[in-house]
Protein backbone atom coordinates (compact mmCIF):
# COMPACT_ATOMS: atom_id res chain seq x y z
CA MET A 1 0.13 -0.07 -0.02
CA ASN A 2 1.40 3.40 -0.95
CA GLU A 3 1.17 5.64 1.91
CA MET A 4 1.42 8.88 -0.32
CA GLU A 5 -1.76 7.98 -2.11
CA ASN A 6 -3.78 6.47 0.90
CA PRO A 7 -5.54 9.28 2.85
CA TYR A 8 -5.84 7.37 6.07
CA ILE A 9 -2.76 6.26 6.59
CA ASP A 10 -1.42 9.52 8.31
CA TRP A 11 -4.42 9.95 10.32
CA ASP A 12 -1.95 9.83 13.70
CA VAL A 13 -0.49 13.16 12.51
CA LYS A 14 -4.17 14.70 11.77
CA PHE A 15 -5.41 13.80 15.08
CA GLU A 16 -2.26 15.72 16.39
CA GLU A 17 -2.82 18.52 14.44
CA ALA A 18 -6.34 18.60 15.35
CA LEU A 19 -5.73 18.89 18.83
CA LYS A 20 -4.48 22.42 18.04
CA ILE A 21 -7.55 23.76 16.62
CA ASP A 22 -9.03 26.78 18.32
CA VAL A 23 -12.51 26.10 19.66
CA PRO A 24 -14.92 28.45 20.99
CA GLU A 25 -16.82 27.91 24.38
CA ALA A 26 -20.69 26.34 23.72
CA LYS A 27 -23.28 28.47 25.70
CA PHE A 28 -25.62 25.66 26.85
CA SER A 29 -24.53 22.06 28.12
CA LYS A 30 -27.36 20.55 26.00
CA PHE A 31 -26.17 19.91 22.68
CA SER A 32 -28.21 18.82 19.24
CA PHE A 33 -26.28 18.07 16.06
CA SER A 34 -26.91 18.66 12.30
CA GLY A 35 -24.91 17.03 9.55
CA ILE A 36 -25.34 14.81 6.73
CA GLY A 37 -22.84 12.01 5.00
CA GLY A 38 -19.38 12.18 6.05
CA SER A 39 -20.19 15.16 8.38
CA GLY A 40 -23.05 13.53 9.66
CA ILE A 41 -20.92 10.67 10.98
CA VAL A 42 -19.05 13.25 13.16
CA GLY A 43 -22.35 13.41 15.48
CA ASP A 44 -22.90 9.37 15.27
CA ILE A 45 -19.31 9.10 16.62
CA ALA A 46 -19.70 11.71 19.07
CA LYS A 47 -22.95 10.06 20.70
CA ILE A 48 -21.00 6.92 21.51
CA PHE A 49 -19.16 9.33 24.30
CA PHE A 50 -22.11 11.55 24.73
CA PRO A 51 -25.28 9.75 24.32
CA GLU A 52 -27.70 12.79 25.10
CA ILE A 53 -26.75 14.66 21.92
CA ASN A 54 -29.76 14.78 20.08
CA SER A 55 -31.20 16.16 16.45
CA PRO A 56 -34.16 18.38 17.38
CA ILE A 57 -33.59 21.99 17.36
CA GLU A 58 -35.39 23.57 20.27
CA GLY A 59 -33.67 26.78 20.97
CA ASN A 60 -32.61 26.20 24.25
CA GLU A 61 -29.15 24.30 23.31
CA THR A 62 -26.14 24.60 21.62
CA LEU A 63 -25.99 23.50 17.70
CA LEU A 64 -23.31 21.55 16.71
CA ALA A 65 -23.44 22.20 12.70
CA VAL A 66 -20.68 19.98 10.60
CA SER A 67 -20.44 20.57 7.19
CA TYR A 68 -16.96 20.15 5.64
CA SER A 69 -17.83 21.81 2.32
CA GLY A 70 -19.85 24.38 4.22
CA ASN A 71 -22.80 24.17 1.48
CA THR A 72 -24.81 21.13 2.51
CA SER A 73 -28.10 22.32 2.04
CA GLU A 74 -29.80 20.42 4.86
CA THR A 75 -27.31 21.43 7.32
CA ILE A 76 -27.72 25.21 6.26
CA GLU A 77 -31.48 24.84 6.72
CA ASP A 78 -30.79 23.64 10.32
CA VAL A 79 -28.25 26.37 10.99
CA LYS A 80 -31.14 28.73 9.88
CA LYS A 81 -33.80 27.34 12.07
CA ALA A 82 -31.60 27.29 14.97
CA ILE A 83 -30.89 30.93 14.55
CA GLN A 84 -34.49 31.77 14.30
CA LYS A 85 -35.09 30.01 17.74
CA GLY A 86 -32.10 31.71 19.51
CA SER A 87 -30.13 28.77 19.55
CA ASP A 88 -26.28 28.82 20.38
CA VAL A 89 -24.77 27.71 17.20
CA ILE A 90 -21.25 26.61 16.37
CA ILE A 91 -20.43 25.69 12.89
CA PHE A 92 -17.55 23.11 11.93
CA THR A 93 -16.30 24.14 8.13
CA SER A 94 -13.94 24.60 5.96
CA GLY A 95 -15.46 27.70 4.26
CA GLY A 96 -18.24 27.82 1.58
CA ILE A 97 -21.76 29.20 2.53
CA LEU A 98 -21.76 28.70 6.07
CA GLY A 99 -18.25 30.04 6.61
CA LYS A 100 -19.38 32.99 5.12
CA LEU A 101 -22.43 33.28 7.33
CA ALA A 102 -20.60 32.76 10.29
CA LYS A 103 -18.32 35.91 9.17
CA GLU A 104 -21.07 37.76 8.43
CA LYS A 105 -23.54 37.33 11.45
CA GLY A 106 -20.70 36.90 14.07
CA ILE A 107 -21.79 33.06 14.70
CA LYS A 108 -19.34 30.65 16.29
CA ILE A 109 -16.98 28.91 13.95
CA VAL A 110 -14.39 25.93 13.87
CA THR A 111 -12.23 26.20 10.90
CA VAL A 112 -10.87 23.34 9.46
CA LYS A 113 -8.39 22.41 6.68
CA ALA A 114 -9.78 22.87 3.23
CA GLY A 115 -8.92 20.53 -0.04
CA SER A 116 -9.87 17.44 1.04
CA GLN A 117 -12.91 14.74 1.14
CA THR A 118 -14.98 15.13 4.23
CA ARG A 119 -14.31 11.31 5.01
CA TYR A 120 -10.50 11.89 5.07
CA SER A 121 -10.88 14.77 7.20
CA PHE A 122 -12.65 13.25 10.17
CA PRO A 123 -9.89 13.89 12.81
CA TYR A 124 -10.16 17.25 12.12
CA LEU A 125 -13.92 17.29 12.73
CA ILE A 126 -14.40 14.79 15.44
CA THR A 127 -11.43 16.12 17.78
CA PRO A 128 -12.47 19.83 18.32
CA LEU A 129 -16.25 18.85 18.46
CA LEU A 130 -15.49 16.16 21.31
CA ARG A 131 -13.42 18.73 23.05
CA ILE A 132 -16.06 21.51 23.09
CA VAL A 133 -18.72 18.98 24.68
CA SER A 134 -16.33 17.48 26.91
CA GLU A 135 -15.14 20.94 28.14
CA LYS A 136 -18.72 22.43 28.70
CA THR A 137 -20.06 19.08 30.43
CA GLY A 138 -16.89 18.44 32.57
CA SER A 139 -16.30 14.91 30.83
CA LYS A 140 -12.65 15.30 30.87
CA LEU A 141 -12.05 12.92 27.60
CA ASP A 142 -8.38 12.50 27.08
CA LEU A 143 -8.45 13.26 23.46
CA LYS A 144 -4.67 12.55 22.87
CA LYS A 145 -5.82 9.11 23.02
CA LEU A 146 -7.37 9.32 19.41
CA GLY A 147 -3.99 9.87 17.89
CA GLN A 148 -2.47 7.28 20.33
CA GLY A 149 -4.91 4.39 19.11
CA VAL A 150 -3.87 5.16 15.43
CA LYS A 151 -0.22 5.68 16.15
CA GLU A 152 0.51 2.57 18.41
CA ARG A 153 -1.16 -0.11 15.89
CA LYS A 154 -0.84 1.36 12.61
CA ASP A 155 0.63 -1.32 10.55
CA GLN A 156 -1.67 -3.92 12.22
CA ILE A 157 -4.70 -1.79 11.38
CA ALA A 158 -3.52 -1.39 7.71
CA LYS A 159 -3.17 -5.01 7.96
CA ASP A 160 -6.57 -5.80 8.78
CA GLY A 161 -8.11 -3.17 6.92
CA VAL A 162 -6.63 -4.96 3.47
CA SER A 163 -7.58 -8.51 5.10
CA LEU A 164 -11.19 -7.12 5.74
CA ALA A 165 -11.45 -5.91 2.16
CA ASN A 166 -10.42 -9.37 0.51
CA LEU A 167 -12.84 -10.97 3.00
CA VAL A 168 -16.10 -9.11 1.82
CA MET A 169 -15.37 -8.59 -2.17
CA GLY A 170 -17.51 -10.70 -4.13
CA LYS A 171 -20.30 -10.21 -1.52
CA ILE A 172 -22.50 -7.47 -0.24
CA PRO A 173 -21.09 -6.52 3.12
CA VAL A 174 -23.63 -5.83 5.74
CA PHE A 175 -22.12 -4.01 8.87
CA TYR A 176 -23.78 -4.21 12.50
CA SER A 177 -23.03 -3.13 15.89
CA SER A 178 -25.03 -1.87 18.89
CA ARG A 179 -22.93 0.97 20.89
CA PHE A 180 -20.66 1.45 17.93
CA LEU A 181 -23.27 1.57 15.31
CA GLY A 182 -21.98 4.91 14.17
CA ILE A 183 -18.64 2.94 13.14
CA ALA A 184 -20.82 0.26 11.17
CA LYS A 185 -22.53 3.07 9.50
CA ARG A 186 -19.05 4.72 8.58
CA TYR A 187 -18.06 1.28 7.05
CA LYS A 188 -20.91 0.96 4.96
CA GLN A 189 -20.22 4.90 3.64
CA GLU A 190 -16.73 4.41 2.86
CA ILE A 191 -17.38 1.44 0.70
CA ASN A 192 -19.98 3.00 -0.87
CA GLU A 193 -18.03 6.37 -1.69
CA ASN A 194 -14.33 5.05 -2.13
CA ALA A 195 -15.32 1.80 -3.73
CA LYS A 196 -18.52 2.57 -5.60
CA TYR A 197 -19.68 -0.70 -4.17
CA PRO A 198 -22.84 -1.59 -2.30
CA ALA A 199 -23.11 -2.17 1.34
CA PHE A 200 -25.51 -1.74 4.25
CA TYR A 201 -25.48 -1.37 8.19
CA GLY A 202 -27.87 -2.28 10.85
CA GLU A 203 -28.67 -1.69 14.74
CA ILE A 204 -28.27 -4.22 17.33
CA PRO A 205 -30.28 -5.86 18.96
CA GLU A 206 -32.89 -4.43 16.46
CA VAL A 207 -31.55 -6.72 13.74
CA ASN A 208 -32.13 -9.49 16.09
CA HIS A 209 -35.72 -9.47 15.92
CA ASN A 210 -36.12 -9.07 12.08
CA GLU A 211 -33.21 -8.75 9.84
CA VAL A 212 -31.33 -12.13 10.98
CA GLU A 213 -34.17 -13.82 9.19
CA SER A 214 -33.49 -12.65 5.97
CA TYR A 215 -30.34 -14.64 5.88
CA VAL A 216 -32.23 -17.63 5.07
CA HIS A 217 -32.37 -16.34 1.32
CA GLY A 218 -29.38 -13.85 1.93
CA TYR A 219 -26.91 -15.79 -0.07
CA ASN A 220 -25.01 -12.87 -1.36
CA LEU A 221 -24.53 -11.05 1.89
CA HIS A 222 -21.55 -11.11 4.20
CA PRO A 223 -22.48 -10.07 7.73
CA VAL A 224 -19.57 -8.27 9.82
CA VAL A 225 -20.37 -7.39 13.36
CA ILE A 226 -18.20 -4.60 14.95
CA TYR A 227 -18.03 -5.52 18.77
CA SER A 228 -18.90 -2.96 21.51
CA SER A 229 -21.09 -5.24 23.88
CA GLU A 230 -22.16 -8.56 24.44
CA ILE A 231 -25.10 -8.22 22.78
CA ASP A 232 -23.25 -8.05 19.43
CA LYS A 233 -21.88 -11.59 19.87
CA ILE A 234 -25.31 -13.23 19.58
CA THR A 235 -25.83 -11.48 16.26
CA ALA A 236 -22.44 -12.60 15.07
CA GLU A 237 -23.21 -16.28 16.38
CA VAL A 238 -26.38 -16.36 14.88
CA LEU A 239 -25.26 -15.20 11.35
CA ASN A 240 -21.77 -16.90 11.50
CA ALA A 241 -20.54 -13.34 10.87
CA THR A 242 -16.91 -12.05 10.77
CA LEU A 243 -16.09 -10.07 14.41
CA VAL A 244 -14.15 -7.24 14.25
CA LYS A 245 -13.08 -6.33 17.86
CA GLY A 246 -10.95 -3.11 18.70
CA PHE A 247 -7.60 -3.18 19.82
CA TYR A 248 -7.54 -1.50 23.17
CA ASP A 249 -9.67 -1.37 26.43
CA ASP A 250 -10.20 2.59 25.74
CA ASP A 251 -13.25 3.72 23.59
CA LEU A 252 -11.24 6.89 22.07
CA MET A 253 -8.36 4.55 20.60
CA ASN A 254 -10.79 1.85 19.45
CA VAL A 255 -12.68 4.63 17.67
CA SER A 256 -9.79 6.06 16.00
CA SER A 257 -8.34 2.93 15.06
CA LEU A 258 -11.85 1.21 13.68
CA MET A 259 -12.48 4.07 11.84
CA MET A 260 -9.04 4.25 10.22
CA MET A 261 -9.16 0.50 9.46
CA GLY A 262 -12.46 0.89 7.70
CA GLY A 263 -11.21 3.70 5.62
CA ILE A 264 -8.26 1.44 4.70
CA MET A 265 -10.56 -1.51 3.63
CA SER A 266 -12.40 0.74 1.40
CA ILE A 267 -9.29 2.10 -0.42
CA ALA A 268 -8.13 -1.54 -0.69
CA MET A 269 -11.66 -2.37 -2.36
CA ALA A 270 -11.23 0.64 -4.82
CA GLU A 271 -8.15 -0.51 -5.72
CA VAL A 272 -9.33 -4.09 -6.86
CA LEU A 273 -12.11 -2.53 -8.58
CA HIS A 274 -9.98 0.14 -10.39
CA GLU A 275 -11.90 2.65 -8.82
CA VAL A 276 -10.86 6.28 -8.03
CA PRO A 277 -11.58 7.10 -4.61
CA ASP A 278 -12.29 10.83 -5.29
CA LYS A 279 -14.11 10.24 -8.02
CA LEU A 280 -17.95 10.86 -7.63
CA TYR A 281 -20.79 9.66 -10.22
CA ASN A 282 -24.00 10.31 -8.50
CA ILE A 283 -23.69 12.21 -5.65
CA PRO A 284 -23.05 15.80 -7.32
CA LYS A 285 -26.66 15.10 -9.27
CA ALA A 286 -28.10 14.55 -6.02
CA ARG A 287 -26.60 17.57 -4.53
CA GLU A 288 -27.30 19.83 -7.12
CA MET A 289 -30.80 18.64 -6.90
CA THR A 290 -31.10 19.05 -3.06
CA SER A 291 -29.70 22.32 -3.28
CA ASN A 292 -32.33 23.57 -5.58
CA LEU A 293 -34.98 22.02 -3.56
CA PHE A 294 -33.66 23.90 -0.30
CA LYS A 295 -32.39 26.97 -2.38
CA PRO A 296 -30.02 27.62 0.72
CA SER A 297 -29.00 31.09 -0.80
CA SER A 298 -32.06 32.57 0.97
CA ILE A 299 -30.31 32.17 4.33
CA LEU A 300 -27.96 34.85 3.35
């Protein structure tokens, strides 16, 4: 694997750099989140540590609005709604419409490096977001562990990512987890975007009451369970699934290393399929049509 061409292999450096990003203080200790796609996964992962983060915007909370591009129509609409309701708003972006809005309206902003794909920039987005919530709630997360989780097992993470790619190629992977559902969702997304390949995810224990039955005729499916609690083992056993476990006893270290592994898996699949990870076929059209629907320029 060529380290210069793999956008995930230097995540240990990115996590360290992310610790230096300036962050504002949240006004409220109650948080809501807005984000979609690669930006939305930041909220899903944050909920592993802060399950109380919710989606509804009520006006008495701090909205964490993540849009790497700054042009995500759905997130722009949520920011608009939050402003109207009098919520505290913190925007996480590299620029775009939201970056301009923050500057013009004096909205709190966390500015991250531009010029990359959202999914590659996860360390720059999750680290300051967790820091803001941790500091406001007094949770005292040791965010240095994010970088440590990647750095201490980098070679093994890369090796296991390629091995997982080889296991699921030729089948349709379905990723499952309970508490680490956000990671399962991320694996699905990484394969979709980087490898242009179908993949799905499901939540444990919900799937134990319905979806597991579909494997009676699910000949082309390859179930993968990302272990986060004992309930995950039941799904893995019932489906004879591939079980992916973290490398550590620490959640922060497991999150960073498992997220990196999923990225490497998807790049390995893209190589086999001769796909360019950065090339997009259908997403730009969907974004354009969504933008026309919401007409985000009206917020300015």
